[in-house]
Amino acid sequence: MGEAPWVDWGVVATVAAPLIALFVGVALNKALESKPILVVYYGHTSSFKLRRNVPEPIVINTHVIVLRNVGRKPARNVRLGHNTLPDFQINPNRQYKLQNLTDGGKEIVFTELVPGEQIHISYLYSPPIVYGDVNTYAKSDEGFAKFIQVELTQQYGKAVKIAVASLMLIGLITMVYLLWELTVYLVS
């Protein structure tokens, strides 16, 4: 296979290298940037029928919202919005403010969530209110929190994690080597 006379690979490499470096730099900056990252998820939802010492069973609903800062900077003015705010409890116990919203809802406001900090807000209410009627949003001065689905999974030991990371690294090195060989083959 002969080299194409109209392509000067030196010029292509000279132009492409800074462009590739720019995109890699932007991606690395975004990935490594120190910022707060709020995540929110339901810890549980449940409904109870109280039957003791009452003529008719009483239904009580409950759920927990977990709010966590998984970022590297403190999240400031963290706000948890509610359509309706039933009885609630915050764990661990900490200071907060309640603010009324113009549409009749309420916000629970925390001054700051430091990196790695996690708060559980437990709610207690009766029908016709269900968990979907309570919470609306979570945000901070830095942006909206990400609502995530959580699933219980088995946690593996350190040896298994090291073995999996090693296999992934070997796979990455192999892919980079193969791409390099393919590039050398196509260029020559």
C-alpha atoms as a PDB file:
ATOM      1  CA  MET A   1       0.000   0.000   0.000  1.00  0.00           C
ATOM      2  CA  GLY A   2       1.553   3.271  -1.107  1.00  0.00           C
ATOM      3  CA  GLU A   3       1.399   6.594   0.642  1.00  0.00           C
ATOM      4  CA  ALA A   4      -1.104   9.131  -0.697  1.00  0.00           C
ATOM      5  CA  PRO A   5       0.914  11.937  -2.354  1.00  0.00           C
ATOM      6  CA  TRP A   6      -1.659  14.634  -1.557  1.00  0.00           C
ATOM      7  CA  VAL A   7      -1.581  14.069   2.236  1.00  0.00           C
ATOM      8  CA  ASP A   8       1.272  15.559   4.222  1.00  0.00           C
ATOM      9  CA  TRP A   9       1.054  13.614   7.496  1.00  0.00           C
ATOM     10  CA  GLY A  10       3.457  16.004   9.198  1.00  0.00           C
ATOM     11  CA  VAL A  11       1.005  18.871   8.647  1.00  0.00           C
ATOM     12  CA  VAL A  12      -1.931  16.698   9.767  1.00  0.00           C
ATOM     13  CA  ALA A  13      -0.086  15.771  12.968  1.00  0.00           C
ATOM     14  CA  THR A  14       0.936  19.402  13.563  1.00  0.00           C
ATOM     15  CA  VAL A  15      -2.674  20.572  13.299  1.00  0.00           C
ATOM     16  CA  ALA A  16      -4.291  17.595  15.047  1.00  0.00           C
ATOM     17  CA  ALA A  17      -2.015  17.435  18.109  1.00  0.00           C
ATOM     18  CA  PRO A  18      -3.049  20.802  19.624  1.00  0.00           C
ATOM     19  CA  LEU A  19      -6.732  20.109  18.894  1.00  0.00           C
ATOM     20  CA  ILE A  20      -6.576  16.701  20.555  1.00  0.00           C
ATOM     21  CA  ALA A  21      -4.668  18.214  23.510  1.00  0.00           C
ATOM     22  CA  LEU A  22      -7.363  20.903  23.838  1.00  0.00           C
ATOM     23  CA  PHE A  23     -10.194  18.376  24.010  1.00  0.00           C
ATOM     24  CA  VAL A  24      -8.282  16.103  26.396  1.00  0.00           C
ATOM     25  CA  GLY A  25      -7.427  19.118  28.591  1.00  0.00           C
ATOM     26  CA  VAL A  26     -11.036  20.296  28.732  1.00  0.00           C
ATOM     27  CA  ALA A  27     -12.227  16.759  29.567  1.00  0.00           C
ATOM     28  CA  LEU A  28      -9.597  16.365  32.308  1.00  0.00           C
ATOM     29  CA  ASN A  29     -10.382  19.793  33.759  1.00  0.00           C
ATOM     30  CA  LYS A  30     -14.082  18.980  33.902  1.00  0.00           C
ATOM     31  CA  ALA A  31     -13.432  15.559  35.465  1.00  0.00           C
ATOM     32  CA  LEU A  32     -10.930  16.786  38.065  1.00  0.00           C
ATOM     33  CA  GLU A  33     -12.442  20.186  38.857  1.00  0.00           C
ATOM     34  CA  SER A  34     -13.095  20.713  42.545  1.00  0.00           C
ATOM     35  CA  LYS A  35     -16.770  21.495  43.005  1.00  0.00           C
ATOM     36  CA  PRO A  36     -19.707  20.404  45.110  1.00  0.00           C
ATOM     37  CA  ILE A  37     -21.815  17.596  43.654  1.00  0.00           C
ATOM     38  CA  LEU A  38     -25.167  17.002  45.343  1.00  0.00           C
ATOM     39  CA  VAL A  39     -26.972  13.700  44.967  1.00  0.00           C
ATOM     40  CA  VAL A  40     -30.390  12.827  46.360  1.00  0.00           C
ATOM     41  CA  TYR A  41     -32.120   9.480  46.657  1.00  0.00           C
ATOM     42  CA  TYR A  42     -34.942   7.776  48.515  1.00  0.00           C
ATOM     43  CA  GLY A  43     -33.663   5.781  51.468  1.00  0.00           C
ATOM     44  CA  HIS A  44     -36.986   3.972  51.775  1.00  0.00           C
ATOM     45  CA  THR A  45     -40.719   4.430  51.401  1.00  0.00           C
ATOM     46  CA  SER A  46     -43.178   2.610  53.615  1.00  0.00           C
ATOM     47  CA  SER A  47     -46.755   2.467  54.816  1.00  0.00           C
ATOM     48  CA  PHE A  48     -47.993   1.209  58.183  1.00  0.00           C
ATOM     49  CA  LYS A  49     -51.437   0.233  59.452  1.00  0.00           C
ATOM     50  CA  LEU A  50     -51.791   0.960  63.163  1.00  0.00           C
ATOM     51  CA  ARG A  51     -54.364  -1.412  64.660  1.00  0.00           C
ATOM     52  CA  ARG A  52     -53.688  -1.306  68.385  1.00  0.00           C
ATOM     53  CA  ASN A  53     -56.133   0.460  70.690  1.00  0.00           C
ATOM     54  CA  VAL A  54     -58.069   2.093  67.831  1.00  0.00           C
ATOM     55  CA  PRO A  55     -61.505   1.150  66.478  1.00  0.00           C
ATOM     56  CA  GLU A  56     -60.428   1.671  62.839  1.00  0.00           C
ATOM     57  CA  PRO A  57     -56.902   1.025  61.502  1.00  0.00           C
ATOM     58  CA  ILE A  58     -54.884   4.199  60.921  1.00  0.00           C
ATOM     59  CA  VAL A  59     -52.600   4.348  57.886  1.00  0.00           C
ATOM     60  CA  ILE A  60     -49.292   6.166  58.332  1.00  0.00           C
ATOM     61  CA  ASN A  61     -46.882   6.705  55.423  1.00  0.00           C
ATOM     62  CA  THR A  62     -43.190   7.409  55.717  1.00  0.00           C
ATOM     63  CA  HIS A  63     -40.159   7.909  53.523  1.00  0.00           C
ATOM     64  CA  VAL A  64     -36.575   9.085  53.813  1.00  0.00           C
ATOM     65  CA  ILE A  65     -34.684  11.388  51.464  1.00  0.00           C
ATOM     66  CA  VAL A  66     -30.895  11.123  51.606  1.00  0.00           C
ATOM     67  CA  LEU A  67     -28.997  14.248  50.578  1.00  0.00           C
ATOM     68  CA  ARG A  68     -25.230  13.898  50.086  1.00  0.00           C
ATOM     69  CA  ASN A  69     -22.377  16.076  48.831  1.00  0.00           C
ATOM     70  CA  VAL A  70     -20.098  13.718  46.872  1.00  0.00           C
ATOM     71  CA  GLY A  71     -17.986  16.578  45.497  1.00  0.00           C
ATOM     72  CA  ARG A  72     -14.731  18.111  46.695  1.00  0.00           C
ATOM     73  CA  LYS A  73     -16.028  21.534  47.765  1.00  0.00           C
ATOM     74  CA  PRO A  74     -18.750  22.567  50.223  1.00  0.00           C
ATOM     75  CA  ALA A  75     -22.248  23.032  48.807  1.00  0.00           C
ATOM     76  CA  ARG A  76     -23.688  26.345  50.005  1.00  0.00           C
ATOM     77  CA  ASN A  77     -27.347  27.207  50.694  1.00  0.00           C
ATOM     78  CA  VAL A  78     -28.648  23.696  50.079  1.00  0.00           C
ATOM     79  CA  ARG A  79     -32.420  23.822  49.490  1.00  0.00           C
ATOM     80  CA  LEU A  80     -34.868  20.937  49.586  1.00  0.00           C
ATOM     81  CA  GLY A  81     -38.230  21.914  48.086  1.00  0.00           C
ATOM     82  CA  HIS A  82     -41.626  20.499  49.074  1.00  0.00           C
ATOM     83  CA  ASN A  83     -45.148  20.712  47.659  1.00  0.00           C
ATOM     84  CA  THR A  84     -46.376  19.931  51.138  1.00  0.00           C
ATOM     85  CA  LEU A  85     -44.191  19.615  54.214  1.00  0.00           C
ATOM     86  CA  PRO A  86     -45.412  16.916  56.621  1.00  0.00           C
ATOM     87  CA  ASP A  87     -43.846  16.125  59.985  1.00  0.00           C
ATOM     88  CA  PHE A  88     -40.148  15.463  59.506  1.00  0.00           C
ATOM     89  CA  GLN A  89     -36.934  14.718  61.339  1.00  0.00           C
ATOM     90  CA  ILE A  90     -33.359  15.415  60.235  1.00  0.00           C
ATOM     91  CA  ASN A  91     -30.491  13.048  61.046  1.00  0.00           C
ATOM     92  CA  PRO A  92     -27.888  13.820  62.108  1.00  0.00           C
ATOM     93  CA  ASN A  93     -29.498  16.641  64.032  1.00  0.00           C
ATOM     94  CA  ARG A  94     -28.375  19.991  62.653  1.00  0.00           C
ATOM     95  CA  GLN A  95     -29.510  23.559  62.104  1.00  0.00           C
ATOM     96  CA  TYR A  96     -31.802  24.436  59.226  1.00  0.00           C
ATOM     97  CA  LYS A  97     -34.256  27.156  58.189  1.00  0.00           C
ATOM     98  CA  LEU A  98     -37.778  26.784  56.840  1.00  0.00           C
ATOM     99  CA  GLN A  99     -38.822  29.149  54.065  1.00  0.00           C
ATOM    100  CA  ASN A 100     -42.279  29.622  52.587  1.00  0.00           C
ATOM    101  CA  LEU A 101     -42.554  29.560  48.796  1.00  0.00           C
ATOM    102  CA  THR A 102     -44.954  31.725  46.802  1.00  0.00           C
ATOM    103  CA  ASP A 103     -46.941  28.699  45.561  1.00  0.00           C
ATOM    104  CA  GLY A 104     -47.633  27.477  49.102  1.00  0.00           C
ATOM    105  CA  GLY A 105     -44.742  25.005  49.256  1.00  0.00           C
ATOM    106  CA  LYS A 106     -41.837  25.118  51.675  1.00  0.00           C
ATOM    107  CA  GLU A 107     -38.075  24.757  51.562  1.00  0.00           C
ATOM    108  CA  ILE A 108     -35.745  23.278  54.123  1.00  0.00           C
ATOM    109  CA  VAL A 109     -32.485  25.247  53.835  1.00  0.00           C
ATOM    110  CA  PHE A 110     -29.088  24.117  55.113  1.00  0.00           C
ATOM    111  CA  THR A 111     -26.315  26.701  55.179  1.00  0.00           C
ATOM    112  CA  GLU A 112     -23.662  24.254  53.987  1.00  0.00           C
ATOM    113  CA  LEU A 113     -22.932  20.593  53.254  1.00  0.00           C
ATOM    114  CA  VAL A 114     -19.221  19.833  53.448  1.00  0.00           C
ATOM    115  CA  PRO A 115     -17.644  17.248  51.115  1.00  0.00           C
ATOM    116  CA  GLY A 116     -18.776  13.745  52.051  1.00  0.00           C
ATOM    117  CA  GLU A 117     -21.537  14.980  54.359  1.00  0.00           C
ATOM    118  CA  GLN A 118     -24.824  13.109  54.235  1.00  0.00           C
ATOM    119  CA  ILE A 119     -28.195  14.092  55.718  1.00  0.00           C
ATOM    120  CA  HIS A 120     -31.289  11.912  56.131  1.00  0.00           C
ATOM    121  CA  ILE A 121     -34.670  13.654  56.202  1.00  0.00           C
ATOM    122  CA  SER A 122     -37.442  11.331  57.429  1.00  0.00           C
ATOM    123  CA  TYR A 123     -41.071  12.247  56.715  1.00  0.00           C
ATOM    124  CA  LEU A 124     -44.254  11.030  58.442  1.00  0.00           C
ATOM    125  CA  TYR A 125     -47.735  11.659  56.963  1.00  0.00           C
ATOM    126  CA  SER A 126     -51.200  10.197  56.404  1.00  0.00           C
ATOM    127  CA  PRO A 127     -53.175   9.490  53.216  1.00  0.00           C
ATOM    128  CA  PRO A 128     -54.112  10.900  50.813  1.00  0.00           C
ATOM    129  CA  ILE A 129     -50.518  12.199  50.785  1.00  0.00           C
ATOM    130  CA  VAL A 130     -47.997   9.795  49.222  1.00  0.00           C
ATOM    131  CA  TYR A 131     -44.231  10.186  48.897  1.00  0.00           C
ATOM    132  CA  GLY A 132     -44.467  11.587  45.355  1.00  0.00           C
ATOM    133  CA  ASP A 133     -46.547  14.505  46.674  1.00  0.00           C
ATOM    134  CA  VAL A 134     -43.920  15.692  49.161  1.00  0.00           C
ATOM    135  CA  ASN A 135     -40.517  16.479  47.616  1.00  0.00           C
ATOM    136  CA  THR A 136     -39.986  18.613  44.515  1.00  0.00           C
ATOM    137  CA  TYR A 137     -36.285  19.505  44.112  1.00  0.00           C
ATOM    138  CA  ALA A 138     -32.915  19.753  45.780  1.00  0.00           C
ATOM    139  CA  LYS A 139     -30.366  22.395  44.845  1.00  0.00           C
ATOM    140  CA  SER A 140     -27.588  24.613  46.121  1.00  0.00           C
ATOM    141  CA  ASP A 141     -26.005  27.872  44.993  1.00  0.00           C
ATOM    142  CA  GLU A 142     -23.854  25.790  42.646  1.00  0.00           C
ATOM    143  CA  GLY A 143     -26.756  24.046  40.864  1.00  0.00           C
ATOM    144  CA  PHE A 144     -29.395  21.351  41.075  1.00  0.00           C
ATOM    145  CA  ALA A 145     -28.832  18.037  42.822  1.00  0.00           C
ATOM    146  CA  LYS A 146     -28.928  14.854  40.807  1.00  0.00           C
ATOM    147  CA  PHE A 147     -31.733  12.456  41.763  1.00  0.00           C
ATOM    148  CA  ILE A 148     -30.364   8.920  41.538  1.00  0.00           C
ATOM    149  CA  GLN A 149     -31.820   5.442  41.832  1.00  0.00           C
ATOM    150  CA  VAL A 150     -30.036   3.292  44.389  1.00  0.00           C
ATOM    151  CA  GLU A 151     -29.927  -0.453  44.657  1.00  0.00           C
ATOM    152  CA  LEU A 152     -28.449  -2.549  47.425  1.00  0.00           C
ATOM    153  CA  THR A 153     -25.408  -4.433  46.175  1.00  0.00           C
ATOM    154  CA  GLN A 154     -22.795  -6.672  47.690  1.00  0.00           C
ATOM    155  CA  GLN A 155     -19.589  -4.895  48.630  1.00  0.00           C
ATOM    156  CA  TYR A 156     -16.422  -6.773  47.660  1.00  0.00           C
ATOM    157  CA  GLY A 157     -13.165  -6.863  49.573  1.00  0.00           C
ATOM    158  CA  LYS A 158      -9.994  -4.971  48.776  1.00  0.00           C
ATOM    159  CA  ALA A 159      -8.351  -7.955  47.016  1.00  0.00           C
ATOM    160  CA  VAL A 160     -11.243  -8.297  44.554  1.00  0.00           C
ATOM    161  CA  LYS A 161     -11.252  -4.551  43.859  1.00  0.00           C
ATOM    162  CA  ILE A 162      -7.492  -4.591  43.186  1.00  0.00           C
ATOM    163  CA  ALA A 163      -7.842  -7.608  40.855  1.00  0.00           C
ATOM    164  CA  VAL A 164     -10.669  -5.951  38.883  1.00  0.00           C
ATOM    165  CA  ALA A 165      -8.753  -2.649  38.648  1.00  0.00           C
ATOM    166  CA  SER A 166      -5.649  -4.524  37.436  1.00  0.00           C
ATOM    167  CA  LEU A 167      -7.613  -6.332  34.722  1.00  0.00           C
ATOM    168  CA  MET A 168      -9.192  -3.053  33.623  1.00  0.00           C
ATOM    169  CA  LEU A 169      -5.764  -1.403  33.452  1.00  0.00           C
ATOM    170  CA  ILE A 170      -4.369  -4.298  31.377  1.00  0.00           C
ATOM    171  CA  GLY A 171      -7.353  -3.948  29.014  1.00  0.00           C
ATOM    172  CA  LEU A 172      -6.826  -0.181  28.706  1.00  0.00           C
ATOM    173  CA  ILE A 173      -3.098  -0.588  27.975  1.00  0.00           C
ATOM    174  CA  THR A 174      -3.898  -3.280  25.381  1.00  0.00           C
ATOM    175  CA  MET A 175      -6.451  -1.029  23.640  1.00  0.00           C
ATOM    176  CA  VAL A 176      -4.034   1.915  23.530  1.00  0.00           C
ATOM    177  CA  TYR A 177      -1.302  -0.348  22.112  1.00  0.00           C
ATOM    178  CA  LEU A 178      -3.635  -1.763  19.449  1.00  0.00           C
ATOM    179  CA  LEU A 179      -4.795   1.739  18.466  1.00  0.00           C
ATOM    180  CA  TRP A 180      -1.170   2.825  18.194  1.00  0.00           C
ATOM    181  CA  GLU A 181      -0.312  -0.176  15.998  1.00  0.00           C
ATOM    182  CA  LEU A 182      -3.350   0.485  13.805  1.00  0.00           C
ATOM    183  CA  THR A 183      -2.349   4.150  13.425  1.00  0.00           C
ATOM    184  CA  VAL A 184       1.244   3.201  12.505  1.00  0.00           C
ATOM    185  CA  TYR A 185      -0.050   0.640   9.984  1.00  0.00           C
ATOM    186  CA  LEU A 186      -2.455   3.138   8.357  1.00  0.00           C
ATOM    187  CA  VAL A 187       0.129   5.923   8.195  1.00  0.00           C
ATOM    188  CA  SER A 188       2.917   3.767   6.707  1.00  0.00           C
END
